[in-house]
Amino acid sequence: MTETGHYIGAPNGIVLCVNKKARGLIEGELYHGYSKEGHPFTGCEEIIKTAEEFFNTLGFPHRGTCDRDIEGRTYSHQKKRGMTRALSDENMLEKHGDIGTFVIRVQHRQHSSWQGRVTYLEEDKSVYFRSVLELIKIIDGVLDKAEQTDKAEEDGASAEVMRE
């Protein structure tokens, strides 16, 4: 990961605030600039679904493929006209999760997946991803590392108290 600075920088930028991780399931709220309220999520599937709906409504980034059902029928989504910003980039960056905060910038939606960059705000580190699966693995890895660091600090503090 490389250092980047704190910014959103795209109309489709998302701030992902993770508040809890239990049994491999993350929970929190997802924010974008066109809604004052956060969208609660439980699990990566809800993050993907909420973000896809937002991208389809915004019409950006453009989809490389259309949705299809089991019978092969395709569906297209209509872009909403006149969407107005409800939160500035600065307001979005004020949102923080209890265990992690990520800025997700999806630059392309090709091959039925996402490509872009994710920034872990607590450490100001960014990395590019080539698919939704890779994005999920990056977020999960960062949260695991943060959890291990917190446990090590707690163990160190407990050992210090015992010595006194």
C-alpha atoms as a PDB file:
ATOM      1  CA  MET A   1       0.000   0.000   0.000  1.00  0.00           C
ATOM      2  CA  THR A   2       1.151   3.530  -0.698  1.00  0.00           C
ATOM      3  CA  GLU A   3       0.382   6.734   1.189  1.00  0.00           C
ATOM      4  CA  THR A   4      -2.330   8.823  -0.422  1.00  0.00           C
ATOM      5  CA  GLY A   5      -3.918  11.490   1.752  1.00  0.00           C
ATOM      6  CA  HIS A   6      -7.537  11.701   2.772  1.00  0.00           C
ATOM      7  CA  TYR A   7      -9.899  12.544  -0.086  1.00  0.00           C
ATOM      8  CA  ILE A   8     -12.823  11.038  -1.997  1.00  0.00           C
ATOM      9  CA  GLY A   9     -12.091  12.478  -5.438  1.00  0.00           C
ATOM     10  CA  ALA A  10     -14.925  10.868  -7.411  1.00  0.00           C
ATOM     11  CA  PRO A  11     -18.719  11.346  -7.600  1.00  0.00           C
ATOM     12  CA  ASN A  12     -19.167   7.631  -6.930  1.00  0.00           C
ATOM     13  CA  GLY A  13     -16.788   7.503  -3.936  1.00  0.00           C
ATOM     14  CA  ILE A  14     -17.952   5.430  -0.996  1.00  0.00           C
ATOM     15  CA  VAL A  15     -16.942   5.581   2.659  1.00  0.00           C
ATOM     16  CA  LEU A  16     -17.259   2.175   4.305  1.00  0.00           C
ATOM     17  CA  CYS A  17     -17.428   2.353   8.116  1.00  0.00           C
ATOM     18  CA  VAL A  18     -16.912  -1.051   9.737  1.00  0.00           C
ATOM     19  CA  ASN A  19     -18.160  -1.200  13.327  1.00  0.00           C
ATOM     20  CA  LYS A  20     -18.055  -4.906  14.102  1.00  0.00           C
ATOM     21  CA  LYS A  21     -16.565  -8.154  12.872  1.00  0.00           C
ATOM     22  CA  ALA A  22     -17.858 -11.411  14.287  1.00  0.00           C
ATOM     23  CA  ARG A  23     -17.674 -14.931  12.865  1.00  0.00           C
ATOM     24  CA  GLY A  24     -16.206 -13.537   9.639  1.00  0.00           C
ATOM     25  CA  LEU A  25     -19.167 -11.189   9.083  1.00  0.00           C
ATOM     26  CA  ILE A  26     -18.590  -7.431   9.031  1.00  0.00           C
ATOM     27  CA  GLU A  27     -21.213  -4.873  10.034  1.00  0.00           C
ATOM     28  CA  GLY A  28     -21.375  -1.121   9.699  1.00  0.00           C
ATOM     29  CA  GLU A  29     -22.589   1.668   7.436  1.00  0.00           C
ATOM     30  CA  LEU A  30     -21.858   2.696   3.865  1.00  0.00           C
ATOM     31  CA  TYR A  31     -21.947   6.400   2.930  1.00  0.00           C
ATOM     32  CA  HIS A  32     -22.015   8.154  -0.440  1.00  0.00           C
ATOM     33  CA  GLY A  33     -22.381  11.806  -1.318  1.00  0.00           C
ATOM     34  CA  TYR A  34     -25.993  11.607  -2.505  1.00  0.00           C
ATOM     35  CA  SER A  35     -27.563  10.581   0.814  1.00  0.00           C
ATOM     36  CA  LYS A  36     -27.245  12.183   4.239  1.00  0.00           C
ATOM     37  CA  GLU A  37     -27.979   8.874   5.936  1.00  0.00           C
ATOM     38  CA  GLY A  38     -25.667   5.891   6.027  1.00  0.00           C
ATOM     39  CA  HIS A  39     -26.805   2.585   4.566  1.00  0.00           C
ATOM     40  CA  PRO A  40     -26.426  -0.148   7.214  1.00  0.00           C
ATOM     41  CA  PHE A  41     -24.961  -3.452   6.088  1.00  0.00           C
ATOM     42  CA  THR A  42     -24.309  -6.890   7.509  1.00  0.00           C
ATOM     43  CA  GLY A  43     -21.916  -8.833   5.322  1.00  0.00           C
ATOM     44  CA  CYS A  44     -20.073  -8.150   2.104  1.00  0.00           C
ATOM     45  CA  GLU A  45     -23.066  -9.151  -0.018  1.00  0.00           C
ATOM     46  CA  GLU A  46     -25.045  -6.162   1.262  1.00  0.00           C
ATOM     47  CA  ILE A  47     -22.098  -3.832   0.595  1.00  0.00           C
ATOM     48  CA  ILE A  48     -21.923  -5.043  -3.007  1.00  0.00           C
ATOM     49  CA  LYS A  49     -25.698  -4.859  -3.536  1.00  0.00           C
ATOM     50  CA  THR A  50     -25.987  -1.341  -2.067  1.00  0.00           C
ATOM     51  CA  ALA A  51     -22.981  -0.059  -4.037  1.00  0.00           C
ATOM     52  CA  GLU A  52     -24.222  -1.624  -7.309  1.00  0.00           C
ATOM     53  CA  GLU A  53     -27.632   0.029  -6.863  1.00  0.00           C
ATOM     54  CA  PHE A  54     -25.898   3.355  -6.199  1.00  0.00           C
ATOM     55  CA  PHE A  55     -23.622   3.030  -9.268  1.00  0.00           C
ATOM     56  CA  ASN A  56     -26.609   2.062 -11.464  1.00  0.00           C
ATOM     57  CA  THR A  57     -28.642   5.030 -10.216  1.00  0.00           C
ATOM     58  CA  LEU A  58     -25.708   7.386 -10.690  1.00  0.00           C
ATOM     59  CA  GLY A  59     -24.849   5.872 -14.080  1.00  0.00           C
ATOM     60  CA  PHE A  60     -21.164   5.856 -13.173  1.00  0.00           C
ATOM     61  CA  PRO A  61     -18.985   3.931 -13.593  1.00  0.00           C
ATOM     62  CA  HIS A  62     -20.616   2.559 -16.704  1.00  0.00           C
ATOM     63  CA  ARG A  63     -21.505  -1.129 -16.544  1.00  0.00           C
ATOM     64  CA  GLY A  64     -19.708  -3.500 -18.867  1.00  0.00           C
ATOM     65  CA  THR A  65     -22.524  -6.092 -18.747  1.00  0.00           C
ATOM     66  CA  CYS A  66     -26.258  -6.138 -18.028  1.00  0.00           C
ATOM     67  CA  ASP A  67     -28.060  -8.123 -15.346  1.00  0.00           C
ATOM     68  CA  ARG A  68     -29.540 -11.411 -16.531  1.00  0.00           C
ATOM     69  CA  ASP A  69     -31.976 -13.806 -14.929  1.00  0.00           C
ATOM     70  CA  ILE A  70     -31.900 -17.602 -14.971  1.00  0.00           C
ATOM     71  CA  GLU A  71     -33.882 -17.680 -18.224  1.00  0.00           C
ATOM     72  CA  GLY A  72     -31.413 -15.416 -20.029  1.00  0.00           C
ATOM     73  CA  ARG A  73     -33.495 -12.213 -20.054  1.00  0.00           C
ATOM     74  CA  THR A  74     -31.415  -9.053 -19.635  1.00  0.00           C
ATOM     75  CA  TYR A  75     -32.343  -6.019 -17.567  1.00  0.00           C
ATOM     76  CA  SER A  76     -31.063  -2.482 -17.772  1.00  0.00           C
ATOM     77  CA  HIS A  77     -31.235   0.212 -15.111  1.00  0.00           C
ATOM     78  CA  GLN A  78     -32.250   3.793 -15.637  1.00  0.00           C
ATOM     79  CA  LYS A  79     -29.942   6.537 -14.462  1.00  0.00           C
ATOM     80  CA  LYS A  80     -31.719   9.029 -12.203  1.00  0.00           C
ATOM     81  CA  ARG A  81     -31.582  12.551 -13.514  1.00  0.00           C
ATOM     82  CA  GLY A  82     -30.992  15.527 -11.276  1.00  0.00           C
ATOM     83  CA  MET A  83     -29.277  13.732  -8.416  1.00  0.00           C
ATOM     84  CA  THR A  84     -27.893  16.321  -6.023  1.00  0.00           C
ATOM     85  CA  ARG A  85     -25.097  15.971  -3.513  1.00  0.00           C
ATOM     86  CA  ALA A  86     -26.261  15.704   0.081  1.00  0.00           C
ATOM     87  CA  LEU A  87     -22.819  15.295   1.673  1.00  0.00           C
ATOM     88  CA  SER A  88     -19.579  16.990   0.740  1.00  0.00           C
ATOM     89  CA  ASP A  89     -16.352  15.001   0.580  1.00  0.00           C
ATOM     90  CA  GLU A  90     -15.315  16.607   3.878  1.00  0.00           C
ATOM     91  CA  ASN A  91     -18.558  15.493   5.565  1.00  0.00           C
ATOM     92  CA  MET A  92     -18.100  11.958   4.252  1.00  0.00           C
ATOM     93  CA  LEU A  93     -14.529  11.811   5.563  1.00  0.00           C
ATOM     94  CA  GLU A  94     -15.780  12.731   9.043  1.00  0.00           C
ATOM     95  CA  LYS A  95     -17.586   9.362   9.202  1.00  0.00           C
ATOM     96  CA  HIS A  96     -15.596   6.629  10.949  1.00  0.00           C
ATOM     97  CA  GLY A  97     -16.166   3.021  11.858  1.00  0.00           C
ATOM     98  CA  ASP A  98     -15.326   1.551  15.252  1.00  0.00           C
ATOM     99  CA  ILE A  99     -12.778  -0.900  13.838  1.00  0.00           C
ATOM    100  CA  GLY A 100     -12.032   0.439  10.355  1.00  0.00           C
ATOM    101  CA  THR A 101     -12.853   3.073   7.746  1.00  0.00           C
ATOM    102  CA  PHE A 102     -12.286   2.607   4.017  1.00  0.00           C
ATOM    103  CA  VAL A 103     -12.713   4.930   1.040  1.00  0.00           C
ATOM    104  CA  ILE A 104     -13.650   2.884  -2.030  1.00  0.00           C
ATOM    105  CA  ARG A 105     -13.264   4.425  -5.480  1.00  0.00           C
ATOM    106  CA  VAL A 106     -14.595   2.146  -8.222  1.00  0.00           C
ATOM    107  CA  GLN A 107     -13.140   3.356 -11.506  1.00  0.00           C
ATOM    108  CA  HIS A 108     -14.496   0.654 -13.831  1.00  0.00           C
ATOM    109  CA  ARG A 109     -17.128  -2.074 -13.833  1.00  0.00           C
ATOM    110  CA  GLN A 110     -15.812  -4.492 -16.412  1.00  0.00           C
ATOM    111  CA  HIS A 111     -16.091  -8.282 -16.700  1.00  0.00           C
ATOM    112  CA  SER A 112     -19.036  -8.252 -14.243  1.00  0.00           C
ATOM    113  CA  SER A 113     -16.795  -6.973 -11.458  1.00  0.00           C
ATOM    114  CA  TRP A 114     -15.198  -3.785 -10.107  1.00  0.00           C
ATOM    115  CA  GLN A 115     -11.774  -2.278 -10.599  1.00  0.00           C
ATOM    116  CA  GLY A 116     -10.484   0.653  -8.572  1.00  0.00           C
ATOM    117  CA  ARG A 117      -8.689   1.728  -5.417  1.00  0.00           C
ATOM    118  CA  VAL A 118      -9.382   1.363  -1.695  1.00  0.00           C
ATOM    119  CA  THR A 119      -7.842   3.480   1.072  1.00  0.00           C
ATOM    120  CA  TYR A 120      -7.654   2.382   4.704  1.00  0.00           C
ATOM    121  CA  LEU A 121      -8.009   5.748   6.462  1.00  0.00           C
ATOM    122  CA  GLU A 122      -6.607   4.730   9.853  1.00  0.00           C
ATOM    123  CA  GLU A 123      -3.206   4.089   8.279  1.00  0.00           C
ATOM    124  CA  ASP A 124      -3.607   6.331   5.194  1.00  0.00           C
ATOM    125  CA  LYS A 125      -2.686   3.440   2.900  1.00  0.00           C
ATOM    126  CA  SER A 126      -4.153   2.705  -0.552  1.00  0.00           C
ATOM    127  CA  VAL A 127      -4.089  -0.289  -2.828  1.00  0.00           C
ATOM    128  CA  TYR A 128      -5.608  -1.002  -6.230  1.00  0.00           C
ATOM    129  CA  PHE A 129      -8.010  -3.915  -6.715  1.00  0.00           C
ATOM    130  CA  ARG A 130      -8.999  -5.771  -9.883  1.00  0.00           C
ATOM    131  CA  SER A 131     -12.233  -7.419  -8.724  1.00  0.00           C
ATOM    132  CA  VAL A 132     -14.863  -7.324  -5.998  1.00  0.00           C
ATOM    133  CA  LEU A 133     -13.398 -10.516  -4.545  1.00  0.00           C
ATOM    134  CA  GLU A 134      -9.956  -8.925  -4.320  1.00  0.00           C
ATOM    135  CA  LEU A 135     -11.492  -5.843  -2.654  1.00  0.00           C
ATOM    136  CA  ILE A 136     -13.209  -8.033  -0.048  1.00  0.00           C
ATOM    137  CA  LYS A 137      -9.961  -9.909   0.634  1.00  0.00           C
ATOM    138  CA  ILE A 138      -8.076  -6.620   1.076  1.00  0.00           C
ATOM    139  CA  ILE A 139     -10.649  -5.254   3.537  1.00  0.00           C
ATOM    140  CA  ASP A 140     -10.798  -8.553   5.443  1.00  0.00           C
ATOM    141  CA  GLY A 141      -7.001  -8.739   5.639  1.00  0.00           C
ATOM    142  CA  VAL A 142      -6.704  -5.179   6.945  1.00  0.00           C
ATOM    143  CA  LEU A 143      -9.385  -5.812   9.595  1.00  0.00           C
ATOM    144  CA  ASP A 144      -7.682  -9.072  10.672  1.00  0.00           C
ATOM    145  CA  LYS A 145      -4.351  -7.256  11.006  1.00  0.00           C
ATOM    146  CA  ALA A 146      -5.961  -4.438  13.016  1.00  0.00           C
ATOM    147  CA  GLU A 147      -7.674  -6.985  15.260  1.00  0.00           C
ATOM    148  CA  GLN A 148      -4.380  -8.804  15.899  1.00  0.00           C
ATOM    149  CA  THR A 149      -2.644  -5.499  16.700  1.00  0.00           C
ATOM    150  CA  ASP A 150      -5.401  -4.570  19.166  1.00  0.00           C
ATOM    151  CA  LYS A 151      -5.149  -7.978  20.884  1.00  0.00           C
ATOM    152  CA  ALA A 152      -1.360  -7.694  21.148  1.00  0.00           C
ATOM    153  CA  GLU A 153      -1.691  -4.214  22.687  1.00  0.00           C
ATOM    154  CA  GLU A 154      -4.304  -5.492  25.166  1.00  0.00           C
ATOM    155  CA  ASP A 155      -2.061  -8.438  26.106  1.00  0.00           C
ATOM    156  CA  GLY A 156       0.877  -6.072  26.567  1.00  0.00           C
ATOM    157  CA  ALA A 157      -1.198  -3.768  28.787  1.00  0.00           C
ATOM    158  CA  SER A 158      -2.416  -6.741  30.845  1.00  0.00           C
ATOM    159  CA  ALA A 159       1.151  -7.969  31.329  1.00  0.00           C
ATOM    160  CA  GLU A 160       2.240  -4.459  32.384  1.00  0.00           C
ATOM    161  CA  VAL A 161      -0.550  -4.274  35.001  1.00  0.00           C
ATOM    162  CA  MET A 162       0.432  -7.724  36.363  1.00  0.00           C
ATOM    163  CA  ARG A 163       4.051  -6.613  36.805  1.00  0.00           C
ATOM    164  CA  GLU A 164       3.021  -3.618  38.912  1.00  0.00           C
END
